[in-house]
């Protein structure tokens, strides 16, 4: 009896487990003239493209895969490494099938949606809107260039006609595809154009005032597209046109505050926007803007460092551990059983403090290279602080990369909750601080920048 009961429970469990995953959703892309090739599928979240699948075509150039119920609804992209990582976007919203076709010699221009109402709506709008914006841009250029009144009146009339056509086209399309994911994308993708054509300064002021008219910051579906990030960078670029020499950051900071304040009432969107702004300014190496955004965020959040989220740590580090700041006071023991501390470093010329983990793919490549490179700079103390939760795992990695053993190695086995990780607000690995007299003089993001900074600071290769 017990065995029968066990079998029944097992079958029931397997049934519900399979049901939760759900029936597969086929995804297909047929490309004429593109046999036996490899492409990728990536999930879009803001300006990030996370590769989730690798597809290989057969003799007929057909790429196939399947999604299931665990896959997020949102925007994805086919990525073509052979074509300079060309991206062909598509929507996944659990439709019975998503199918496209095109030809390799005009891949982007001739995408045809064979199955998927969501993507038919998206591509119908995209193709129309691309031509529409080109037409409007050309009319605005003519309007700025020509001075004859009779010609200007024709341009004004043509502009007004095109604006009316776009409004009618979009209204009918949204009516046809009401309540689809594509309808959110279409609405948010539209630019706010004035009803009548304007000259340059009037046009700038109108665009600035109405830039976000079509963006609903409470709409969390937009977090699974690139729309919010694209619109944000376009707005920052627009406002940066008015930067002055006297106050080079004012126009940009004012623009950032407009975006932040629009997102502020909606926590998920707000965190998404803050993270995007911080990541963007970090990639540009703009410490002034990183600190500005971080301080605004920390003031809004009123967060403490003790139980800070990843984003809060990011803001805290950008605010409190900027170049020129003093590093936190610390004392710790290395795996080699020696004690190192910030006090000991106070009178020494330079130190490199590196937070990393053996589970970090980027670290696996970069950390051994740094260890080897620093053998040429023995006057500089190198401290490799591992966020691994097992010293055995760390030692196994060191055994296979012996150059690391010659440097200070630290691992308290507490991961991201370790004392040093918290003190330095570490939010990502690797995180590198180049320190002199306990003051931060550089925070390189990659190996090439690290080498350049060490070389410039020590004048030795």
Protein backbone atom coordinates (compact mmCIF):
# COMPACT_ATOMS: atom_id res chain seq x y z
CA UNK A 1 0.00 0.00 0.00
CA UNK A 2 2.77 2.37 0.91
CA UNK A 3 4.62 1.69 -2.35
CA UNK A 4 1.44 2.43 -4.38
CA UNK A 5 0.93 5.64 -2.44
CA UNK A 6 4.55 6.65 -3.05
CA UNK A 7 4.24 5.98 -6.81
CA UNK A 8 1.02 8.04 -6.98
CA UNK A 9 2.59 10.96 -5.12
CA UNK A 10 5.65 10.79 -7.37
CA UNK A 11 3.54 10.80 -10.55
CA UNK A 12 1.45 13.70 -9.22
CA UNK A 13 4.60 15.67 -8.32
CA UNK A 14 6.12 15.11 -11.77
CA UNK A 15 2.87 16.12 -13.45
CA UNK A 16 2.66 19.42 -11.59
CA UNK A 17 6.38 20.07 -12.03
CA UNK A 18 6.01 19.65 -15.79
CA UNK A 19 2.82 21.74 -15.80
CA UNK A 20 4.59 24.60 -14.07
CA UNK A 21 7.18 24.67 -16.84
CA UNK A 22 4.38 24.52 -19.39
CA UNK A 23 4.19 23.66 -23.04
CA UNK A 24 7.11 24.91 -25.14
CA UNK A 25 6.82 28.09 -27.20
CA UNK A 26 8.66 27.60 -30.52
CA UNK A 27 10.90 30.42 -31.76
CA UNK A 28 12.11 30.24 -35.36
CA UNK A 29 14.08 32.45 -37.77
CA UNK A 30 14.60 31.34 -41.39
CA UNK A 31 17.31 33.26 -43.25
CA UNK A 32 17.81 32.47 -46.92
CA UNK A 33 21.48 32.16 -47.84
CA UNK A 34 22.69 31.59 -44.28
CA UNK A 35 23.20 27.83 -43.76
CA UNK A 36 25.16 26.23 -40.90
CA UNK A 37 25.74 29.43 -39.00
CA UNK A 38 25.71 30.28 -35.29
CA UNK A 39 23.74 33.13 -33.74
CA UNK A 40 22.65 34.01 -30.19
CA UNK A 41 19.41 34.92 -28.45
CA UNK A 42 19.70 37.60 -25.77
CA UNK A 43 17.23 38.95 -23.25
CA UNK A 44 17.00 42.73 -23.25
CA UNK A 45 16.84 44.59 -19.96
CA UNK A 46 17.64 48.25 -20.41
CA UNK A 47 20.88 48.54 -22.34
CA UNK A 48 22.00 45.06 -21.22
CA UNK A 49 21.82 42.09 -23.58
CA UNK A 50 22.12 38.82 -21.61
CA UNK A 51 22.78 35.86 -23.93
CA UNK A 52 20.45 32.99 -23.01
CA UNK A 53 20.77 30.62 -25.98
CA UNK A 54 23.01 29.68 -28.90
CA UNK A 55 21.35 28.61 -32.16
CA UNK A 56 22.87 26.82 -35.16
CA UNK A 57 21.08 26.80 -38.52
CA UNK A 58 20.71 23.77 -40.79
CA UNK A 59 21.20 23.57 -44.54
CA UNK A 60 18.12 25.74 -45.15
CA UNK A 61 19.23 28.51 -42.80
CA UNK A 62 16.57 27.81 -40.16
CA UNK A 63 17.33 28.67 -36.52
CA UNK A 64 15.05 27.02 -33.95
CA UNK A 65 14.64 27.09 -30.17
CA UNK A 66 11.89 26.88 -27.56
CA UNK A 67 10.92 29.06 -24.61
CA UNK A 68 8.74 27.94 -21.68
CA UNK A 69 6.69 29.50 -18.89
CA UNK A 70 9.78 30.30 -16.84
CA UNK A 71 10.94 32.75 -19.50
CA UNK A 72 10.19 36.43 -18.80
CA UNK A 73 7.73 38.22 -21.04
CA UNK A 74 9.59 41.03 -22.77
CA UNK A 75 11.98 42.08 -25.50
CA UNK A 76 14.66 39.75 -26.84
CA UNK A 77 17.07 39.89 -29.75
CA UNK A 78 18.73 37.63 -32.26
CA UNK A 79 22.42 38.57 -32.31
CA UNK A 80 24.59 37.93 -35.38
CA UNK A 81 28.32 37.82 -34.47
CA UNK A 82 29.22 37.49 -38.17
CA UNK A 83 27.58 40.89 -38.86
CA UNK A 84 29.27 43.00 -36.18
CA UNK A 85 26.78 41.76 -33.57
CA UNK A 86 23.76 43.01 -35.52
CA UNK A 87 20.66 42.76 -33.31
CA UNK A 88 17.19 41.85 -34.58
CA UNK A 89 14.70 42.48 -31.74
CA UNK A 90 11.52 40.51 -31.04
CA UNK A 91 8.81 40.22 -28.40
CA UNK A 92 8.07 37.09 -26.40
CA UNK A 93 4.63 37.02 -24.78
CA UNK A 94 3.86 33.28 -24.61
CA UNK A 95 2.25 33.07 -28.04
CA UNK A 96 1.87 29.62 -29.65
CA UNK A 97 4.65 30.43 -32.09
CA UNK A 98 7.08 33.20 -32.99
CA UNK A 99 8.44 32.88 -36.51
CA UNK A 100 10.45 35.22 -38.76
CA UNK A 101 12.06 35.07 -42.17
CA UNK A 102 14.53 37.24 -44.08
CA UNK A 103 17.48 36.97 -46.45
CA UNK A 104 21.10 37.45 -45.55
CA UNK A 105 21.84 40.23 -48.06
CA UNK A 106 19.15 42.54 -46.65
CA UNK A 107 18.61 40.95 -43.26
CA UNK A 108 17.54 43.94 -41.19
CA UNK A 109 15.49 45.67 -43.90
CA UNK A 110 13.43 42.63 -44.93
CA UNK A 111 12.43 41.01 -41.65
CA UNK A 112 9.06 39.36 -42.19
CA UNK A 113 6.92 38.19 -39.28
CA UNK A 114 5.35 34.88 -40.26
CA UNK A 115 3.72 34.07 -36.92
CA UNK A 116 3.17 36.27 -33.81
CA UNK A 117 0.61 39.03 -33.43
CA UNK A 118 2.86 40.82 -30.93
CA UNK A 119 5.72 41.01 -33.42
CA UNK A 120 3.46 41.91 -36.33
CA UNK A 121 2.34 44.95 -34.33
CA UNK A 122 5.90 45.80 -33.28
CA UNK A 123 7.39 45.51 -36.77
CA UNK A 124 4.47 47.25 -38.48
CA UNK A 125 5.01 50.22 -36.17
CA UNK A 126 8.83 50.11 -36.37
CA UNK A 127 8.91 50.11 -40.17
CA UNK A 128 6.35 52.93 -40.40
CA UNK A 129 7.98 55.01 -37.65
CA UNK A 130 11.48 54.73 -39.12
CA UNK A 131 10.27 56.28 -42.37
CA UNK A 132 8.12 58.82 -40.52
CA UNK A 133 11.01 60.15 -38.37
CA UNK A 134 13.26 60.37 -41.45
CA UNK A 135 10.59 62.41 -43.26
CA UNK A 136 10.08 64.74 -40.29
CA UNK A 137 13.82 65.26 -39.86
CA UNK A 138 14.17 66.15 -43.53
CA UNK A 139 11.27 68.62 -43.38
CA UNK A 140 12.76 70.27 -40.27
CA UNK A 141 16.12 70.61 -42.04
CA UNK A 142 14.46 72.21 -45.09
CA UNK A 143 12.53 74.56 -42.81
CA UNK A 144 15.75 75.77 -41.18
CA UNK A 145 17.53 76.12 -44.54
CA UNK A 146 15.07 77.92 -46.83
CA UNK A 147 13.75 81.45 -46.36
CA UNK A 148 11.21 81.89 -49.18
CA UNK A 149 7.79 82.18 -47.58
CA UNK A 150 5.88 80.27 -50.27
CA UNK A 151 8.24 77.32 -49.94
CA UNK A 152 8.07 77.44 -46.13
CA UNK A 153 4.29 77.27 -46.22
CA UNK A 154 4.48 74.07 -48.29
CA UNK A 155 6.89 72.56 -45.78
CA UNK A 156 4.59 73.56 -42.91
CA UNK A 157 1.62 71.93 -44.62
CA UNK A 158 3.55 68.73 -45.39
CA UNK A 159 4.80 68.56 -41.78
CA UNK A 160 1.27 68.91 -40.39
CA UNK A 161 0.02 66.21 -42.77
CA UNK A 162 2.73 63.78 -41.69
CA UNK A 163 2.01 64.45 -37.99
CA UNK A 164 -1.70 63.77 -38.57
CA UNK A 165 -0.92 60.58 -40.52
CA UNK A 166 1.28 59.28 -37.69
CA UNK A 167 -1.36 60.00 -35.06
CA UNK A 168 -4.08 58.24 -37.09
CA UNK A 169 -1.82 55.28 -37.96
CA UNK A 170 -0.72 54.75 -34.36
CA UNK A 171 -4.23 55.18 -32.94
CA UNK A 172 -5.61 52.52 -35.30
CA UNK A 173 -2.69 50.18 -34.63
CA UNK A 174 -3.11 50.47 -30.86
CA UNK A 175 -6.84 49.84 -31.23
CA UNK A 176 -6.14 46.69 -33.23
CA UNK A 177 -3.53 45.40 -30.77
CA UNK A 178 -5.07 46.66 -27.54
CA UNK A 179 -3.62 45.27 -24.26
CA UNK A 180 -0.68 43.54 -25.94
CA UNK A 181 2.91 43.88 -24.76
CA UNK A 182 3.60 45.51 -28.13
CA UNK A 183 1.10 48.28 -27.33
CA UNK A 184 3.26 49.32 -24.34
CA UNK A 185 6.36 49.35 -26.55
CA UNK A 186 4.65 51.31 -29.32
CA UNK A 187 3.24 53.97 -26.98
CA UNK A 188 6.53 54.51 -25.16
CA UNK A 189 8.60 54.56 -28.37
CA UNK A 190 6.79 57.55 -29.85
CA UNK A 191 8.42 60.96 -29.78
CA UNK A 192 6.39 64.01 -28.77
CA UNK A 193 6.19 66.22 -31.85
CA UNK A 194 4.57 69.66 -31.88
CA UNK A 195 1.42 70.09 -33.96
CA UNK A 196 3.19 72.67 -36.12
CA UNK A 197 6.79 72.90 -37.28
CA UNK A 198 9.14 75.01 -35.13
CA UNK A 199 12.47 76.77 -35.57
CA UNK A 200 15.56 75.42 -33.79
CA UNK A 201 15.36 77.08 -30.34
CA UNK A 202 11.56 76.70 -30.13
CA UNK A 203 11.96 73.08 -31.23
CA UNK A 204 14.60 72.46 -28.54
CA UNK A 205 12.42 73.94 -25.79
CA UNK A 206 9.37 71.95 -26.94
CA UNK A 207 11.32 68.68 -27.08
CA UNK A 208 12.79 69.27 -23.65
CA UNK A 209 9.41 70.06 -22.10
CA UNK A 210 7.50 67.19 -23.72
CA UNK A 211 10.25 64.58 -24.02
CA UNK A 212 8.69 62.06 -21.63
CA UNK A 213 5.03 62.68 -22.50
CA UNK A 214 4.60 59.15 -23.85
CA UNK A 215 6.53 57.39 -21.08
CA UNK A 216 4.57 55.86 -18.22
CA UNK A 217 7.20 55.42 -15.50
CA UNK A 218 4.84 53.21 -13.49
CA UNK A 219 4.75 50.67 -16.36
CA UNK A 220 7.16 47.95 -15.21
CA UNK A 221 6.86 46.09 -18.52
CA UNK A 222 9.20 48.74 -19.92
CA UNK A 223 11.97 47.40 -17.67
CA UNK A 224 12.13 44.40 -20.02
CA UNK A 225 12.84 46.60 -23.04
CA UNK A 226 15.54 49.11 -23.93
CA UNK A 227 13.08 52.02 -24.09
CA UNK A 228 13.71 53.68 -20.71
CA UNK A 229 17.47 53.58 -21.11
CA UNK A 230 17.34 54.72 -24.73
CA UNK A 231 15.00 57.62 -23.89
CA UNK A 232 17.15 58.59 -20.89
CA UNK A 233 20.37 58.81 -22.89
CA UNK A 234 18.59 60.73 -25.66
CA UNK A 235 17.28 63.24 -23.09
CA UNK A 236 20.70 63.64 -21.46
CA UNK A 237 22.24 64.18 -24.89
CA UNK A 238 19.58 66.76 -25.78
CA UNK A 239 20.09 68.73 -22.56
CA UNK A 240 23.88 68.54 -22.82
CA UNK A 241 23.68 70.78 -25.87
CA UNK A 242 23.23 73.68 -23.46
CA UNK A 243 26.28 72.97 -21.30
CA UNK A 244 28.21 76.10 -20.35
CA UNK A 245 31.89 76.56 -19.63
CA UNK A 246 31.15 78.31 -16.36
CA UNK A 247 28.97 75.47 -15.05
CA UNK A 248 29.84 72.43 -17.18
CA UNK A 249 27.74 69.98 -15.14
CA UNK A 250 24.63 72.04 -14.40
CA UNK A 251 22.64 71.21 -17.56
CA UNK A 252 23.49 67.51 -17.22
CA UNK A 253 22.66 67.39 -13.51
CA UNK A 254 19.37 69.20 -14.11
CA UNK A 255 18.50 66.65 -16.80
CA UNK A 256 19.38 63.76 -14.46
CA UNK A 257 17.10 65.23 -11.80
CA UNK A 258 14.19 65.41 -14.28
CA UNK A 259 14.58 61.69 -15.04
CA UNK A 260 15.05 60.72 -11.38
CA UNK A 261 12.03 62.72 -10.20
CA UNK A 262 9.79 61.14 -12.84
CA UNK A 263 10.87 57.65 -11.71
CA UNK A 264 10.92 58.41 -7.96
CA UNK A 265 7.28 57.45 -7.14
CA UNK A 266 7.79 53.97 -8.62
CA UNK A 267 10.42 51.97 -6.65
CA UNK A 268 11.27 49.34 -9.30
CA UNK A 269 11.58 51.89 -12.09
CA UNK A 270 13.50 54.23 -9.79
CA UNK A 271 16.13 51.61 -8.88
CA UNK A 272 16.35 50.57 -12.53
CA UNK A 273 17.02 54.17 -13.65
CA UNK A 274 19.53 54.85 -10.86
CA UNK A 275 21.47 51.70 -11.67
CA UNK A 276 21.50 52.59 -15.37
CA UNK A 277 22.75 56.12 -14.70
CA UNK A 278 25.49 54.91 -12.34
CA UNK A 279 26.63 52.19 -14.74
CA UNK A 280 26.64 54.61 -17.66
CA UNK A 281 28.65 57.31 -15.90
CA UNK A 282 31.00 54.65 -14.52
CA UNK A 283 31.72 53.36 -18.04
CA UNK A 284 32.51 56.97 -19.03
CA UNK A 285 34.78 57.40 -16.01
CA UNK A 286 32.75 60.44 -14.91
CA UNK A 287 33.26 60.44 -11.13
CA UNK A 288 31.52 63.80 -10.70
CA UNK A 289 28.24 62.49 -12.11
CA UNK A 290 28.60 59.12 -10.35
CA UNK A 291 28.91 60.91 -7.03
CA UNK A 292 26.03 63.27 -7.86
CA UNK A 293 23.60 60.45 -8.73
CA UNK A 294 24.75 58.37 -5.74
CA UNK A 295 24.20 61.18 -3.26
CA UNK A 296 20.73 61.92 -4.64
CA UNK A 297 19.84 58.22 -4.35
CA UNK A 298 21.23 57.85 -0.82
CA UNK A 299 19.34 60.93 0.34
CA UNK A 300 16.09 59.56 -1.11
CA UNK A 301 16.63 56.05 0.28
CA UNK A 302 18.05 56.98 3.70
CA UNK A 303 19.92 53.66 3.55
CA UNK A 304 22.54 52.39 5.98
CA UNK A 305 25.67 50.50 5.03
CA UNK A 306 24.99 47.56 7.35
CA UNK A 307 22.31 45.80 5.31
CA UNK A 308 22.72 47.63 2.04
CA UNK A 309 21.42 46.14 -1.21
CA UNK A 310 23.75 45.79 -4.20
CA UNK A 311 22.52 49.09 -5.64
CA UNK A 312 22.87 50.84 -2.28
CA UNK A 313 26.45 49.57 -1.95
CA UNK A 314 27.14 50.88 -5.44
CA UNK A 315 25.86 54.30 -4.45
CA UNK A 316 27.72 54.25 -1.12
CA UNK A 317 31.01 53.37 -2.80
CA UNK A 318 30.56 56.04 -5.45
CA UNK A 319 29.72 58.58 -2.76
CA UNK A 320 32.18 57.72 0.01
CA UNK A 321 35.11 56.00 -1.73
CA UNK A 322 35.83 58.38 -4.57
CA UNK A 323 39.32 59.16 -5.83
CA UNK A 324 41.05 61.20 -3.13
CA UNK A 325 39.05 59.60 -0.30
CA UNK A 326 40.66 57.80 2.63
CA UNK A 327 40.08 54.05 2.66
CA UNK A 328 38.23 52.46 5.62
CA UNK A 329 40.30 51.45 8.62
CA UNK A 330 40.85 47.69 8.64
CA UNK A 331 42.90 44.88 10.13
CA UNK A 332 42.79 41.33 8.80
CA UNK A 333 44.76 38.10 8.59
CA UNK A 334 46.01 36.61 5.36
CA UNK A 335 45.95 32.95 4.35
CA UNK A 336 49.71 33.03 4.89
CA UNK A 337 48.98 33.83 8.60
CA UNK A 338 50.35 37.38 8.50
CA UNK A 339 48.44 40.42 9.69
CA UNK A 340 47.85 43.38 7.38
CA UNK A 341 46.12 46.63 8.25
CA UNK A 342 45.43 50.10 6.94
CA UNK A 343 47.61 51.40 9.79
CA UNK A 344 50.64 49.55 8.41
CA UNK A 345 50.02 51.03 4.97
CA UNK A 346 49.76 54.62 6.17
CA UNK A 347 53.43 55.43 5.54
CA UNK A 348 53.99 53.17 2.54
CA UNK A 349 54.02 54.40 -1.01
CA UNK A 350 51.36 52.34 -2.77
CA UNK A 351 48.98 49.39 -2.39
CA UNK A 352 46.62 47.57 -4.70
CA UNK A 353 43.48 46.21 -3.02
CA UNK A 354 41.49 43.79 -5.15
CA UNK A 355 38.14 42.20 -4.32
CA UNK A 356 37.41 39.14 -6.44
CA UNK A 357 35.94 35.63 -6.48
CA UNK A 358 36.83 32.34 -8.16
CA UNK A 359 33.20 32.07 -9.30
CA UNK A 360 33.50 35.32 -11.27
CA UNK A 361 34.31 34.52 -14.92
CA UNK A 362 35.95 37.90 -15.50
CA UNK A 363 38.07 37.41 -12.36
CA UNK A 364 39.24 33.98 -13.50
CA UNK A 365 40.94 35.64 -16.48
CA UNK A 366 41.95 38.96 -14.97
CA UNK A 367 43.26 38.09 -11.47
CA UNK A 368 46.11 35.75 -12.57
CA UNK A 369 47.17 38.38 -15.12
CA UNK A 370 47.28 41.05 -12.41
CA UNK A 371 49.23 38.73 -10.10
CA UNK A 372 51.84 38.08 -12.81
CA UNK A 373 52.02 41.75 -13.75
CA UNK A 374 52.55 42.84 -10.13
CA UNK A 375 55.67 40.64 -9.86
CA UNK A 376 57.34 43.47 -11.79
CA UNK A 377 56.25 45.94 -9.10
CA UNK A 378 57.37 44.36 -5.86
CA UNK A 379 57.52 47.72 -4.11
CA UNK A 380 53.71 47.85 -4.39
CA UNK A 381 51.77 45.74 -1.88
CA UNK A 382 49.04 43.68 -3.57
CA UNK A 383 46.15 42.40 -1.46
CA UNK A 384 43.78 39.92 -3.11
CA UNK A 385 40.58 39.74 -1.02
CA UNK A 386 38.50 36.75 -2.09
CA UNK A 387 34.73 36.73 -1.64
CA UNK A 388 34.67 32.94 -1.83
CA UNK A 389 32.89 31.18 1.01
CA UNK A 390 35.39 28.33 1.07
CA UNK A 391 39.14 28.71 1.60
CA UNK A 392 39.57 25.27 0.02
CA UNK A 393 38.02 26.50 -3.24
CA UNK A 394 40.33 29.52 -3.15
CA UNK A 395 43.42 27.40 -2.42
CA UNK A 396 42.58 25.07 -5.31
CA UNK A 397 42.46 28.09 -7.63
CA UNK A 398 45.75 29.43 -6.24
CA UNK A 399 47.39 26.02 -6.73
CA UNK A 400 46.57 26.21 -10.44
CA UNK A 401 47.78 29.86 -10.62
CA UNK A 402 50.98 29.90 -8.49
CA UNK A 403 51.73 33.57 -9.22
CA UNK A 404 48.91 34.43 -6.81
CA UNK A 405 50.62 32.68 -3.90
CA UNK A 406 53.32 35.36 -3.79
CA UNK A 407 50.77 38.06 -2.84
CA UNK A 408 48.70 38.75 0.26
CA UNK A 409 45.59 36.53 0.08
CA UNK A 410 42.56 37.14 2.29
CA UNK A 411 39.38 35.08 2.60
CA UNK A 412 37.08 35.20 5.65
CA UNK A 413 34.62 32.74 4.03
CA UNK A 414 31.72 35.16 4.50
CA UNK A 415 31.39 36.20 0.87
CA UNK A 416 29.60 39.48 0.26
CA UNK A 417 28.82 39.72 3.98
CA UNK A 418 32.48 39.75 4.96
CA UNK A 419 33.79 42.63 7.04
CA UNK A 420 36.04 44.05 4.33
CA UNK A 421 33.45 43.61 1.58
CA UNK A 422 30.99 45.64 3.64
CA UNK A 423 33.56 48.25 4.69
CA UNK A 424 34.52 48.93 1.06
CA UNK A 425 30.88 48.71 -0.17
CA UNK A 426 31.82 46.02 -2.70
CA UNK A 427 28.93 45.46 -5.13
CA UNK A 428 30.68 43.70 -8.02
CA UNK A 429 33.80 41.69 -8.76
CA UNK A 430 36.47 42.48 -9.55
CA UNK A 431 36.66 45.78 -7.65
CA UNK A 432 40.09 47.40 -7.58
CA UNK A 433 41.48 50.25 -5.50
CA UNK A 434 44.97 51.65 -6.07
CA UNK A 435 45.92 53.37 -2.83
CA UNK A 436 48.74 55.66 -1.74
CA UNK A 437 49.14 56.72 1.90
CA UNK A 438 45.68 55.22 2.50
CA UNK A 439 44.08 57.53 -0.07
CA UNK A 440 42.44 56.20 -3.24
CA UNK A 441 44.30 57.36 -6.34
CA UNK A 442 42.66 55.11 -8.93
CA UNK A 443 39.75 52.66 -9.40
CA UNK A 444 40.50 50.82 -12.67
CA UNK A 445 37.70 48.76 -14.20
CA UNK A 446 39.73 46.43 -16.45
CA UNK A 447 43.21 44.98 -16.85
CA UNK A 448 44.35 47.39 -19.56
CA UNK A 449 43.35 50.41 -17.47
CA UNK A 450 44.98 48.79 -14.43
CA UNK A 451 48.30 48.38 -16.29
CA UNK A 452 48.12 51.93 -17.63
CA UNK A 453 47.49 53.37 -14.15
CA UNK A 454 50.22 51.33 -12.47
CA UNK A 455 52.66 52.35 -15.20
CA UNK A 456 51.78 56.05 -14.93
CA UNK A 457 51.94 55.97 -11.13
CA UNK A 458 55.21 54.03 -10.83
CA UNK A 459 56.82 54.92 -14.18
CA UNK A 460 57.71 51.26 -14.64
CA UNK A 461 56.18 48.73 -17.00
